[in-house]
Structures are given as structure tokens and as C-alpha cells.
């Protein structure tokens, strides 16, 4: 079960992008899902300004 306020989504990513995300995840010691969530939040904040 997912934490309150979260939903599961399926996405398709280019292998290169996925590799970069995995490297960032390993470097920052955060789960891949957290890295993706932070990037999406940052992008949305920029778009909603």
C-alpha cells in the first residue's frame, strides 16, 4: 500500500534518462521514486509561477 496522499503511476523512460536517474539516486542515497518526485515537483513549481 502507498503512503497517504500518494498514487502509483507507470511511466516509460528512455534508457539514458533512466540510467542518469539511477546514478543520481545512488549518489544522493535516495530511492529512485523520491528522485523522480522531487524533479516533477521542481518542474511544476517553475510552470505554475
PDB file of N, CA and C in Angstrom:
ATOM      1  N   UNK A   1       0.843  -1.194   0.000  1.00  0.00           N
ATOM      2  CA  UNK A   1       0.000   0.000   0.000  1.00  0.00           C
ATOM      3  C   UNK A   1       0.879   1.246   0.000  1.00  0.00           C
ATOM      4  N   UNK A   2       0.439   2.262  -0.715  1.00  0.00           N
ATOM      5  CA  UNK A   2       1.197   3.507  -0.842  1.00  0.00           C
ATOM      6  C   UNK A   2       0.880   4.435   0.313  1.00  0.00           C
ATOM      7  N   UNK A   3       1.850   5.246   0.702  1.00  0.00           N
ATOM      8  CA  UNK A   3       1.616   6.207   1.792  1.00  0.00           C
ATOM      9  C   UNK A   3       0.455   7.145   1.465  1.00  0.00           C
ATOM     10  N   UNK A   4      -0.186   7.644   2.492  1.00  0.00           N
ATOM     11  CA  UNK A   4      -1.309   8.561   2.330  1.00  0.00           C
ATOM     12  C   UNK A   4      -0.926   9.724   1.417  1.00  0.00           C
ATOM     13  N   UNK A   5      -1.808  10.059   0.488  1.00  0.00           N
ATOM     14  CA  UNK A   5      -1.561  11.189  -0.398  1.00  0.00           C
ATOM     15  C   UNK A   5      -0.724  10.863  -1.621  1.00  0.00           C
ATOM     16  N   UNK A   6      -0.407   9.603  -1.824  1.00  0.00           N
ATOM     17  CA  UNK A   6       0.407   9.228  -2.980  1.00  0.00           C
ATOM     18  C   UNK A   6      -0.367   8.226  -3.838  1.00  0.00           C
ATOM     19  N   UNK A   7      -0.075   8.263  -5.123  1.00  0.00           N
ATOM     20  CA  UNK A   7      -0.662   7.295  -6.049  1.00  0.00           C
ATOM     21  C   UNK A   7       0.455   6.676  -6.870  1.00  0.00           C
ATOM     22  N   UNK A   8       0.198   5.508  -7.358  1.00  0.00           N
ATOM     23  CA  UNK A   8       1.181   4.819  -8.192  1.00  0.00           C
ATOM     24  C   UNK A   8       0.921   5.184  -9.651  1.00  0.00           C
ATOM     25  N   UNK A   9       2.000   5.474 -10.379  1.00  0.00           N
ATOM     26  CA  UNK A   9       1.870   5.709 -11.816  1.00  0.00           C
ATOM     27  C   UNK A   9       2.922   4.880 -12.543  1.00  0.00           C
ATOM     28  N   UNK A  10       2.603   4.496 -13.739  1.00  0.00           N
ATOM     29  CA  UNK A  10       3.557   3.781 -14.586  1.00  0.00           C
ATOM     30  C   UNK A  10       4.034   4.755 -15.652  1.00  0.00           C
ATOM     31  N   UNK A  11       5.346   4.859 -15.806  1.00  0.00           N
ATOM     32  CA  UNK A  11       5.909   5.752 -16.814  1.00  0.00           C
ATOM     33  C   UNK A  11       6.934   4.995 -17.646  1.00  0.00           C
ATOM     34  N   UNK A  12       7.123   5.452 -18.853  1.00  0.00           N
ATOM     35  CA  UNK A  12       8.130   4.880 -19.733  1.00  0.00           C
ATOM     36  C   UNK A  12       9.216   5.925 -19.923  1.00  0.00           C
ATOM     37  N   UNK A  13      10.457   5.534 -19.652  1.00  0.00           N
ATOM     38  CA  UNK A  13      11.581   6.457 -19.767  1.00  0.00           C
ATOM     39  C   UNK A  13      12.615   5.915 -20.743  1.00  0.00           C
ATOM     40  N   UNK A  14      13.287   6.822 -21.409  1.00  0.00           N
ATOM     41  CA  UNK A  14      14.413   6.477 -22.259  1.00  0.00           C
ATOM     42  C   UNK A  14      15.485   5.818 -21.384  1.00  0.00           C
ATOM     43  N   UNK A  15      16.185   4.829 -21.919  1.00  0.00           N
ATOM     44  CA  UNK A  15      17.212   4.123 -21.134  1.00  0.00           C
ATOM     45  C   UNK A  15      18.283   5.071 -20.613  1.00  0.00           C
ATOM     46  N   UNK A  16      18.639   6.067 -21.408  1.00  0.00           N
ATOM     47  CA  UNK A  16      19.660   7.032 -20.989  1.00  0.00           C
ATOM     48  C   UNK A  16      19.178   7.855 -19.787  1.00  0.00           C
ATOM     49  N   UNK A  17      17.927   8.300 -19.856  1.00  0.00           N
ATOM     50  CA  UNK A  17      17.360   9.078 -18.747  1.00  0.00           C
ATOM     51  C   UNK A  17      17.274   8.220 -17.496  1.00  0.00           C
ATOM     52  N   UNK A  18      16.834   6.984 -17.647  1.00  0.00           N
ATOM     53  CA  UNK A  18      16.739   6.082 -16.502  1.00  0.00           C
ATOM     54  C   UNK A  18      18.113   5.851 -15.880  1.00  0.00           C
ATOM     55  N   UNK A  19      19.132   5.692 -16.709  1.00  0.00           N
ATOM     56  CA  UNK A  19      20.495   5.498 -16.197  1.00  0.00           C
ATOM     57  C   UNK A  19      20.944   6.717 -15.399  1.00  0.00           C
ATOM     58  N   UNK A  20      20.679   7.911 -15.932  1.00  0.00           N
ATOM     59  CA  UNK A  20      21.050   9.144 -15.230  1.00  0.00           C
ATOM     60  C   UNK A  20      20.307   9.272 -13.902  1.00  0.00           C
ATOM     61  N   UNK A  21      19.028   8.920 -13.904  1.00  0.00           N
ATOM     62  CA  UNK A  21      18.245   8.980 -12.667  1.00  0.00           C
ATOM     63  C   UNK A  21      18.767   7.989 -11.631  1.00  0.00           C
ATOM     64  N   UNK A  22      19.131   6.791 -12.087  1.00  0.00           N
ATOM     65  CA  UNK A  22      19.676   5.787 -11.168  1.00  0.00           C
ATOM     66  C   UNK A  22      21.003   6.244 -10.578  1.00  0.00           C
ATOM     67  N   UNK A  23      21.835   6.885 -11.399  1.00  0.00           N
ATOM     68  CA  UNK A  23      23.115   7.409 -10.904  1.00  0.00           C
ATOM     69  C   UNK A  23      22.878   8.485  -9.850  1.00  0.00           C
ATOM     70  N   UNK A  24      21.928   9.373 -10.122  1.00  0.00           N
ATOM     71  CA  UNK A  24      21.590  10.442  -9.170  1.00  0.00           C
ATOM     72  C   UNK A  24      21.041   9.840  -7.879  1.00  0.00           C
ATOM     73  N   UNK A  25      20.223   8.808  -8.006  1.00  0.00           N
ATOM     74  CA  UNK A  25      19.652   8.126  -6.849  1.00  0.00           C
ATOM     75  C   UNK A  25      20.755   7.519  -5.979  1.00  0.00           C
ATOM     76  N   UNK A  26      21.701   6.881  -6.625  1.00  0.00           N
ATOM     77  CA  UNK A  26      22.809   6.260  -5.898  1.00  0.00           C
ATOM     78  C   UNK A  26      23.688   7.319  -5.231  1.00  0.00           C
ATOM     79  N   UNK A  27      23.977   8.390  -5.966  1.00  0.00           N
ATOM     80  CA  UNK A  27      24.826   9.468  -5.465  1.00  0.00           C
ATOM     81  C   UNK A  27      24.198  10.163  -4.253  1.00  0.00           C
ATOM     82  N   UNK A  28      22.883  10.391  -4.310  1.00  0.00           N
ATOM     83  CA  UNK A  28      22.194  11.104  -3.234  1.00  0.00           C
ATOM     84  C   UNK A  28      21.635  10.169  -2.166  1.00  0.00           C
ATOM     85  N   UNK A  29      21.795   8.859  -2.383  1.00  0.00           N
ATOM     86  CA  UNK A  29      21.304   7.845  -1.444  1.00  0.00           C
ATOM     87  C   UNK A  29      19.807   8.018  -1.146  1.00  0.00           C
ATOM     88  N   UNK A  30      19.041   8.195  -2.217  1.00  0.00           N
ATOM     89  CA  UNK A  30      17.586   8.329  -2.122  1.00  0.00           C
ATOM     90  C   UNK A  30      16.967   7.323  -3.082  1.00  0.00           C
ATOM     91  N   UNK A  31      15.767   6.844  -2.769  1.00  0.00           N
ATOM     92  CA  UNK A  31      15.100   5.930  -3.704  1.00  0.00           C
ATOM     93  C   UNK A  31      14.806   6.631  -5.039  1.00  0.00           C
ATOM     94  N   UNK A  32      14.807   5.857  -6.086  1.00  0.00           N
ATOM     95  CA  UNK A  32      14.544   6.388  -7.423  1.00  0.00           C
ATOM     96  C   UNK A  32      13.206   7.131  -7.466  1.00  0.00           C
ATOM     97  N   UNK A  33      12.203   6.595  -6.799  1.00  0.00           N
ATOM     98  CA  UNK A  33      10.887   7.244  -6.796  1.00  0.00           C
ATOM     99  C   UNK A  33      10.954   8.635  -6.170  1.00  0.00           C
ATOM    100  N   UNK A  34      11.768   8.800  -5.136  1.00  0.00           N
ATOM    101  CA  UNK A  34      11.910  10.109  -4.482  1.00  0.00           C
ATOM    102  C   UNK A  34      12.601  11.107  -5.418  1.00  0.00           C
ATOM    103  N   UNK A  35      13.622  10.632  -6.135  1.00  0.00           N
ATOM    104  CA  UNK A  35      14.330  11.488  -7.093  1.00  0.00           C
ATOM    105  C   UNK A  35      13.358  11.989  -8.165  1.00  0.00           C
ATOM    106  N   UNK A  36      12.570  11.079  -8.721  1.00  0.00           N
ATOM    107  CA  UNK A  36      11.608  11.443  -9.764  1.00  0.00           C
ATOM    108  C   UNK A  36      10.572  12.413  -9.206  1.00  0.00           C
ATOM    109  N   UNK A  37      10.074  12.139  -8.007  1.00  0.00           N
ATOM    110  CA  UNK A  37       9.071  13.011  -7.391  1.00  0.00           C
ATOM    111  C   UNK A  37       9.622  14.430  -7.197  1.00  0.00           C
ATOM    112  N   UNK A  38      10.848  14.542  -6.716  1.00  0.00           N
ATOM    113  CA  UNK A  38      11.454  15.860  -6.498  1.00  0.00           C
ATOM    114  C   UNK A  38      11.629  16.621  -7.813  1.00  0.00           C
ATOM    115  N   UNK A  39      12.037  15.912  -8.863  1.00  0.00           N
ATOM    116  CA  UNK A  39      12.204  16.557 -10.167  1.00  0.00           C
ATOM    117  C   UNK A  39      10.865  17.037 -10.730  1.00  0.00           C
ATOM    118  N   UNK A  40       9.828  16.235 -10.565  1.00  0.00           N
ATOM    119  CA  UNK A  40       8.495  16.614 -11.040  1.00  0.00           C
ATOM    120  C   UNK A  40       7.987  17.823 -10.259  1.00  0.00           C
ATOM    121  N   UNK A  41       8.164  17.805  -8.938  1.00  0.00           N
ATOM    122  CA  UNK A  41       7.728  18.939  -8.117  1.00  0.00           C
ATOM    123  C   UNK A  41       8.437  20.221  -8.537  1.00  0.00           C
ATOM    124  N   UNK A  42       9.749  20.137  -8.753  1.00  0.00           N
ATOM    125  CA  UNK A  42      10.528  21.303  -9.172  1.00  0.00           C
ATOM    126  C   UNK A  42      10.027  21.840 -10.520  1.00  0.00           C
ATOM    127  N   UNK A  43       9.759  20.927 -11.453  1.00  0.00           N
ATOM    128  CA  UNK A  43       9.278  21.332 -12.778  1.00  0.00           C
ATOM    129  C   UNK A  43       7.898  21.986 -12.678  1.00  0.00           C
ATOM    130  N   UNK A  44       7.033  21.435 -11.840  1.00  0.00           N
ATOM    131  CA  UNK A  44       5.693  22.003 -11.687  1.00  0.00           C
ATOM    132  C   UNK A  44       5.739  23.394 -11.066  1.00  0.00           C
ATOM    133  N   UNK A  45       6.597  23.580 -10.089  1.00  0.00           N
ATOM    134  CA  UNK A  45       6.719  24.897  -9.455  1.00  0.00           C
ATOM    135  C   UNK A  45       7.141  25.948 -10.476  1.00  0.00           C
ATOM    136  N   UNK A  46       8.062  25.581 -11.364  1.00  0.00           N
ATOM    137  CA  UNK A  46       8.507  26.514 -12.405  1.00  0.00           C
ATOM    138  C   UNK A  46       7.361  26.850 -13.362  1.00  0.00           C
ATOM    139  N   UNK A  47       6.568  25.836 -13.721  1.00  0.00           N
ATOM    140  CA  UNK A  47       5.477  26.033 -14.681  1.00  0.00           C
ATOM    141  C   UNK A  47       4.334  26.840 -14.085  1.00  0.00           C
ATOM    142  N   UNK A  48       4.127  26.717 -12.776  1.00  0.00           N
ATOM    143  CA  UNK A  48       2.987  27.372 -12.141  1.00  0.00           C
ATOM    144  C   UNK A  48       3.288  28.795 -11.678  1.00  0.00           C
ATOM    145  N   UNK A  49       4.513  29.263 -11.884  1.00  0.00           N
ATOM    146  CA  UNK A  49       4.868  30.635 -11.475  1.00  0.00           C
ATOM    147  C   UNK A  49       4.259  31.646 -12.406  1.00  0.00           C
TER     148      UNK A  49
END
